[in-house]
């Protein structure tokens, strides 16, 4: 069953709010979501709104202990999402109402949301990644989980291979994010690039070093990200037409961003890189054509 219009005003309003959050905050994600049929689009917006809430806690201005307490509360709430919907309606929390309603129509893996919270806790604690394999583990928590949750909404591709490929694609997307945000993250006291790789390029643990060496490291890591796209995009043939188009659009926008980084890694150090809206739209249109193929 995939119908999400319930006839329950509180539920419909909750979905509307989640769609508004997604439209306002999901600069890249929303291009793919728009290609889904309305029930799945609303469900994905609810998932995005919840993921955004988790992320906002981790990136907020509160003390670390307060952030961890807030994440612990979200974790407790998430476990109870498949329970009584009326309980969430009584809270008037649109995000939890919508995701709880999603749980009644799709087999959401709640453990994936818990793993997403795990990844956010790693951010709050300032976890550093000694090796690239350690970083991949983090990426699977904060991005691969979203891929696995998406598969539950897409339907028809919830197999061990599809889930593994969704995880791989999540790694590619997250490494792209890390490369794009390397300066912004450093200003927040976060360095995600593996310690072993920093040392290999003669760079200190807080990105201290010659700019040319940092640029060489960024070029090296962008090549690794491209390899993960090669793995993760094998997911596309396993999806139905609309889900394939949505995933191709989201991944295509991030991969195009990675291409820009690979072309000029030094640009990352000058400011946050992004694609113009016309280019994102062009990627989405090509993805739609791919989905129709």
Protein backbone atom coordinates (compact mmCIF):
# COMPACT_ATOMS: atom_id res chain seq x y z
CA UNK A 1 0.00 0.00 0.00
CA UNK A 2 1.46 3.39 -0.96
CA UNK A 3 -1.33 5.92 -0.51
CA UNK A 4 -0.26 8.65 1.91
CA UNK A 5 -3.28 10.97 1.80
CA UNK A 6 -5.05 9.78 4.91
CA UNK A 7 -8.05 12.05 5.19
CA UNK A 8 -6.62 12.91 8.62
CA UNK A 9 -5.97 16.68 8.62
CA UNK A 10 -3.07 16.43 11.06
CA UNK A 11 -1.32 13.86 8.88
CA UNK A 12 -1.86 15.76 5.65
CA UNK A 13 -0.62 18.96 7.25
CA UNK A 14 2.41 17.13 8.59
CA UNK A 15 3.34 15.93 5.10
CA UNK A 16 2.82 19.44 3.75
CA UNK A 17 5.23 20.78 6.35
CA UNK A 18 7.85 18.13 5.48
CA UNK A 19 7.55 18.97 1.80
CA UNK A 20 8.06 22.65 2.64
CA UNK A 21 11.20 21.79 4.65
CA UNK A 22 12.54 19.72 1.77
CA UNK A 23 11.83 22.42 -0.81
CA UNK A 24 13.58 25.05 1.34
CA UNK A 25 16.55 23.04 2.60
CA UNK A 26 17.30 20.18 0.21
CA UNK A 27 19.13 22.07 -2.52
CA UNK A 28 20.25 18.93 -4.38
CA UNK A 29 18.01 16.22 -2.94
CA UNK A 30 14.79 17.91 -4.04
CA UNK A 31 15.60 17.67 -7.74
CA UNK A 32 15.37 13.90 -7.54
CA UNK A 33 12.41 13.78 -5.17
CA UNK A 34 10.33 15.80 -7.63
CA UNK A 35 10.57 12.94 -10.14
CA UNK A 36 8.79 10.47 -7.84
CA UNK A 37 5.04 9.89 -7.85
CA UNK A 38 3.27 12.01 -5.20
CA UNK A 39 2.89 9.37 -2.45
CA UNK A 40 6.57 8.41 -2.60
CA UNK A 41 7.61 12.04 -2.94
CA UNK A 42 5.76 12.90 0.26
CA UNK A 43 7.22 9.92 2.08
CA UNK A 44 10.75 10.83 0.99
CA UNK A 45 10.16 14.41 2.12
CA UNK A 46 9.22 13.11 5.56
CA UNK A 47 12.45 11.09 5.72
CA UNK A 48 14.47 14.10 4.60
CA UNK A 49 12.85 16.30 7.25
CA UNK A 50 13.78 13.78 9.95
CA UNK A 51 17.34 13.44 8.65
CA UNK A 52 17.59 17.23 8.56
CA UNK A 53 16.44 17.46 12.17
CA UNK A 54 19.13 14.99 13.23
CA UNK A 55 21.77 16.86 11.22
CA UNK A 56 20.69 20.24 12.62
CA UNK A 57 21.15 18.95 16.16
CA UNK A 58 24.70 17.88 15.35
CA UNK A 59 25.53 21.19 13.65
CA UNK A 60 23.79 23.42 16.19
CA UNK A 61 25.30 25.83 18.71
CA UNK A 62 24.48 23.84 21.85
CA UNK A 63 27.15 22.25 24.01
CA UNK A 64 28.21 18.73 23.05
CA UNK A 65 26.49 17.18 26.06
CA UNK A 66 23.21 18.89 25.18
CA UNK A 67 23.48 17.71 21.58
CA UNK A 68 24.04 14.13 22.70
CA UNK A 69 21.03 14.35 25.01
CA UNK A 70 18.90 15.68 22.16
CA UNK A 71 20.08 12.89 19.86
CA UNK A 72 19.34 10.32 22.56
CA UNK A 73 15.77 11.63 22.72
CA UNK A 74 15.39 11.40 18.95
CA UNK A 75 16.72 7.84 19.10
CA UNK A 76 14.14 6.95 21.74
CA UNK A 77 11.37 8.52 19.65
CA UNK A 78 12.49 6.79 16.45
CA UNK A 79 12.19 3.36 18.02
CA UNK A 80 8.56 4.14 18.83
CA UNK A 81 7.66 5.51 15.38
CA UNK A 82 5.92 2.33 14.18
CA UNK A 83 3.63 2.47 17.23
CA UNK A 84 0.38 4.32 17.80
CA UNK A 85 0.02 7.18 15.30
CA UNK A 86 -2.40 9.02 17.58
CA UNK A 87 0.42 9.45 20.09
CA UNK A 88 2.40 11.45 17.54
CA UNK A 89 -0.63 13.43 16.42
CA UNK A 90 -1.06 14.48 20.03
CA UNK A 91 2.48 15.93 20.01
CA UNK A 92 1.68 18.18 17.02
CA UNK A 93 5.20 17.41 15.74
CA UNK A 94 4.78 17.35 11.95
CA UNK A 95 8.01 15.50 11.22
CA UNK A 96 7.33 12.64 13.63
CA UNK A 97 3.67 12.46 12.58
CA UNK A 98 4.64 12.13 8.93
CA UNK A 99 7.42 9.56 9.46
CA UNK A 100 5.19 7.54 11.79
CA UNK A 101 2.56 7.52 9.05
CA UNK A 102 5.21 6.44 6.52
CA UNK A 103 5.95 3.46 8.75
CA UNK A 104 2.38 2.28 8.23
CA UNK A 105 2.77 2.14 4.46
CA UNK A 106 6.37 1.16 3.85
CA UNK A 107 8.74 -1.23 5.67
CA UNK A 108 11.19 1.38 6.92
CA UNK A 109 14.32 -0.14 8.48
CA UNK A 110 14.29 1.73 11.79
CA UNK A 111 17.82 0.49 12.46
CA UNK A 112 18.99 2.61 9.53
CA UNK A 113 17.66 5.76 11.23
CA UNK A 114 19.43 4.71 14.43
CA UNK A 115 22.68 4.32 12.46
CA UNK A 116 22.18 7.80 11.03
CA UNK A 117 22.00 9.05 14.62
CA UNK A 118 25.18 7.09 15.36
CA UNK A 119 26.94 9.03 12.61
CA UNK A 120 25.72 12.35 13.95
CA UNK A 121 26.98 11.40 17.42
CA UNK A 122 30.39 10.76 15.86
CA UNK A 123 30.33 14.34 14.55
CA UNK A 124 29.41 15.73 17.96
CA UNK A 125 32.21 13.77 19.62
CA UNK A 126 34.73 15.00 17.05
CA UNK A 127 35.60 11.51 15.86
CA UNK A 128 38.67 11.38 13.60
CA UNK A 129 39.21 8.72 10.96
CA UNK A 130 42.62 7.08 10.92
CA UNK A 131 42.17 5.26 7.63
CA UNK A 132 40.00 5.56 4.55
CA UNK A 133 38.19 2.39 5.63
CA UNK A 134 37.26 4.14 8.88
CA UNK A 135 35.88 7.07 6.88
CA UNK A 136 33.85 4.70 4.71
CA UNK A 137 32.24 3.33 7.86
CA UNK A 138 31.17 6.84 8.83
CA UNK A 139 29.83 7.53 5.33
CA UNK A 140 27.73 4.38 5.45
CA UNK A 141 26.14 5.63 8.67
CA UNK A 142 25.29 9.15 7.56
CA UNK A 143 24.56 8.56 3.85
CA UNK A 144 24.30 4.84 3.08
CA UNK A 145 21.49 4.67 5.60
CA UNK A 146 19.52 7.23 3.59
CA UNK A 147 19.96 5.06 0.52
CA UNK A 148 18.61 2.01 2.33
CA UNK A 149 15.66 4.00 3.66
CA UNK A 150 14.97 5.23 0.14
CA UNK A 151 14.86 1.67 -1.16
CA UNK A 152 12.13 0.90 1.35
CA UNK A 153 10.06 3.72 -0.18
CA UNK A 154 10.90 2.81 -3.77
CA UNK A 155 9.83 -0.80 -3.30
CA UNK A 156 10.71 -3.75 -5.51
CA UNK A 157 14.47 -3.53 -4.99
CA UNK A 158 14.85 -4.33 -1.31
CA UNK A 159 17.43 -7.07 -1.77
CA UNK A 160 20.83 -7.58 -0.15
CA UNK A 161 22.57 -6.53 -3.38
CA UNK A 162 20.41 -3.41 -3.81
CA UNK A 163 21.00 -2.40 -0.19
CA UNK A 164 24.74 -2.90 -0.58
CA UNK A 165 24.81 -0.78 -3.74
CA UNK A 166 22.70 1.93 -2.05
CA UNK A 167 25.31 1.97 0.70
CA UNK A 168 28.10 2.32 -1.89
CA UNK A 169 26.32 5.21 -3.59
CA UNK A 170 25.90 6.87 -0.20
CA UNK A 171 29.66 6.65 0.34
CA UNK A 172 30.24 8.42 -3.01
CA UNK A 173 27.79 11.19 -2.16
CA UNK A 174 29.17 11.74 1.31
CA UNK A 175 32.79 11.90 0.20
CA UNK A 176 31.70 14.50 -2.35
CA UNK A 177 30.10 16.47 0.50
CA UNK A 178 33.26 16.18 2.58
CA UNK A 179 35.44 17.48 -0.25
CA UNK A 180 33.05 20.35 -1.01
CA UNK A 181 32.83 21.40 2.65
CA UNK A 182 36.43 20.83 3.70
CA UNK A 183 37.03 24.50 4.60
CA UNK A 184 33.66 25.01 6.26
CA UNK A 185 34.09 21.82 8.30
CA UNK A 186 37.58 22.83 9.38
CA UNK A 187 36.16 26.10 10.73
CA UNK A 188 33.76 23.98 12.82
CA UNK A 189 36.68 21.94 14.16
CA UNK A 190 35.94 18.92 11.97
CA UNK A 191 38.42 17.23 9.67
CA UNK A 192 37.03 14.14 7.99
CA UNK A 193 39.91 13.28 5.67
CA UNK A 194 41.80 10.23 6.96
CA UNK A 195 44.80 10.88 9.18
CA UNK A 196 46.86 8.38 7.18
CA UNK A 197 46.14 10.26 3.95
CA UNK A 198 46.98 13.62 5.52
CA UNK A 199 50.32 12.24 6.64
CA UNK A 200 50.97 10.71 3.23
CA UNK A 201 50.71 14.16 1.65
CA UNK A 202 52.72 15.87 4.39
CA UNK A 203 49.71 17.65 5.89
CA UNK A 204 49.06 18.12 9.60
CA UNK A 205 46.02 16.64 11.37
CA UNK A 206 44.18 19.98 11.20
CA UNK A 207 45.00 20.51 7.50
CA UNK A 208 48.16 22.48 8.27
CA UNK A 209 50.55 22.46 5.37
CA UNK A 210 51.44 23.78 1.98
CA UNK A 211 48.38 24.59 -0.15
CA UNK A 212 49.75 22.61 -3.08
CA UNK A 213 49.93 19.52 -0.88
CA UNK A 214 46.33 20.04 0.27
CA UNK A 215 45.22 20.40 -3.34
CA UNK A 216 47.02 17.18 -4.24
CA UNK A 217 45.24 15.40 -1.39
CA UNK A 218 41.84 16.72 -2.52
CA UNK A 219 42.55 15.50 -6.06
CA UNK A 220 43.50 12.08 -4.69
CA UNK A 221 40.35 11.75 -2.58
CA UNK A 222 38.14 12.94 -5.44
CA UNK A 223 39.48 10.07 -7.53
CA UNK A 224 38.48 7.68 -4.78
CA UNK A 225 34.99 9.16 -4.70
CA UNK A 226 34.65 8.59 -8.45
CA UNK A 227 35.40 4.91 -7.90
CA UNK A 228 32.53 4.71 -5.41
CA UNK A 229 30.15 6.25 -7.95
CA UNK A 230 31.20 3.50 -10.33
CA UNK A 231 30.11 0.95 -7.75
CA UNK A 232 26.98 2.63 -6.43
CA UNK A 233 25.42 3.53 -9.77
CA UNK A 234 25.05 -0.16 -10.52
CA UNK A 235 21.94 0.24 -8.37
CA UNK A 236 20.05 2.07 -11.14
CA UNK A 237 19.06 -0.96 -13.29
CA UNK A 238 17.52 -2.59 -10.22
CA UNK A 239 15.01 0.23 -9.68
CA UNK A 240 11.65 0.95 -11.28
CA UNK A 241 11.42 3.74 -13.85
CA UNK A 242 10.55 6.67 -11.56
CA UNK A 243 12.82 5.56 -8.74
CA UNK A 244 15.67 5.13 -11.22
CA UNK A 245 15.10 8.66 -12.50
CA UNK A 246 15.01 10.14 -9.00
CA UNK A 247 18.19 8.38 -7.93
CA UNK A 248 19.97 9.23 -11.17
CA UNK A 249 19.08 12.90 -10.69
CA UNK A 250 20.33 13.09 -7.12
CA UNK A 251 23.50 11.13 -7.85
CA UNK A 252 24.06 12.95 -11.12
CA UNK A 253 24.06 16.36 -9.45
CA UNK A 254 26.60 15.26 -6.86
CA UNK A 255 28.73 13.51 -9.46
CA UNK A 256 28.72 16.66 -11.61
CA UNK A 257 29.87 18.58 -8.52
CA UNK A 258 32.65 16.04 -8.02
CA UNK A 259 33.69 16.52 -11.65
CA UNK A 260 34.04 20.25 -10.97
CA UNK A 261 36.17 19.49 -7.91
CA UNK A 262 38.37 17.08 -9.86
CA UNK A 263 38.81 19.68 -12.60
CA UNK A 264 39.90 22.37 -10.11
CA UNK A 265 40.50 21.05 -6.58
CA UNK A 266 41.96 24.39 -5.52
CA UNK A 267 38.53 25.98 -5.95
CA UNK A 268 37.36 24.09 -2.86
CA UNK A 269 39.75 26.19 -0.78
CA UNK A 270 38.33 29.44 -2.16
CA UNK A 271 34.74 28.82 -1.06
CA UNK A 272 31.83 26.43 -1.11
CA UNK A 273 31.28 25.01 -4.60
CA UNK A 274 27.84 24.42 -6.06
CA UNK A 275 26.14 23.91 -9.40
CA UNK A 276 23.88 26.58 -10.90
CA UNK A 277 20.16 25.81 -10.88
CA UNK A 278 20.05 25.45 -14.68
CA UNK A 279 22.69 22.72 -14.56
CA UNK A 280 20.86 20.84 -11.82
CA UNK A 281 17.67 21.03 -13.85
CA UNK A 282 19.49 19.72 -16.92
CA UNK A 283 20.80 16.76 -14.92
CA UNK A 284 17.27 16.03 -13.65
CA UNK A 285 15.83 16.15 -17.17
CA UNK A 286 18.46 13.70 -18.40
CA UNK A 287 17.70 11.45 -15.45
CA UNK A 288 14.01 11.56 -16.34
CA UNK A 289 14.88 10.48 -19.87
CA UNK A 290 17.00 7.67 -18.43
CA UNK A 291 14.10 6.54 -16.30
CA UNK A 292 11.87 6.41 -19.36
CA UNK A 293 14.38 4.26 -21.24
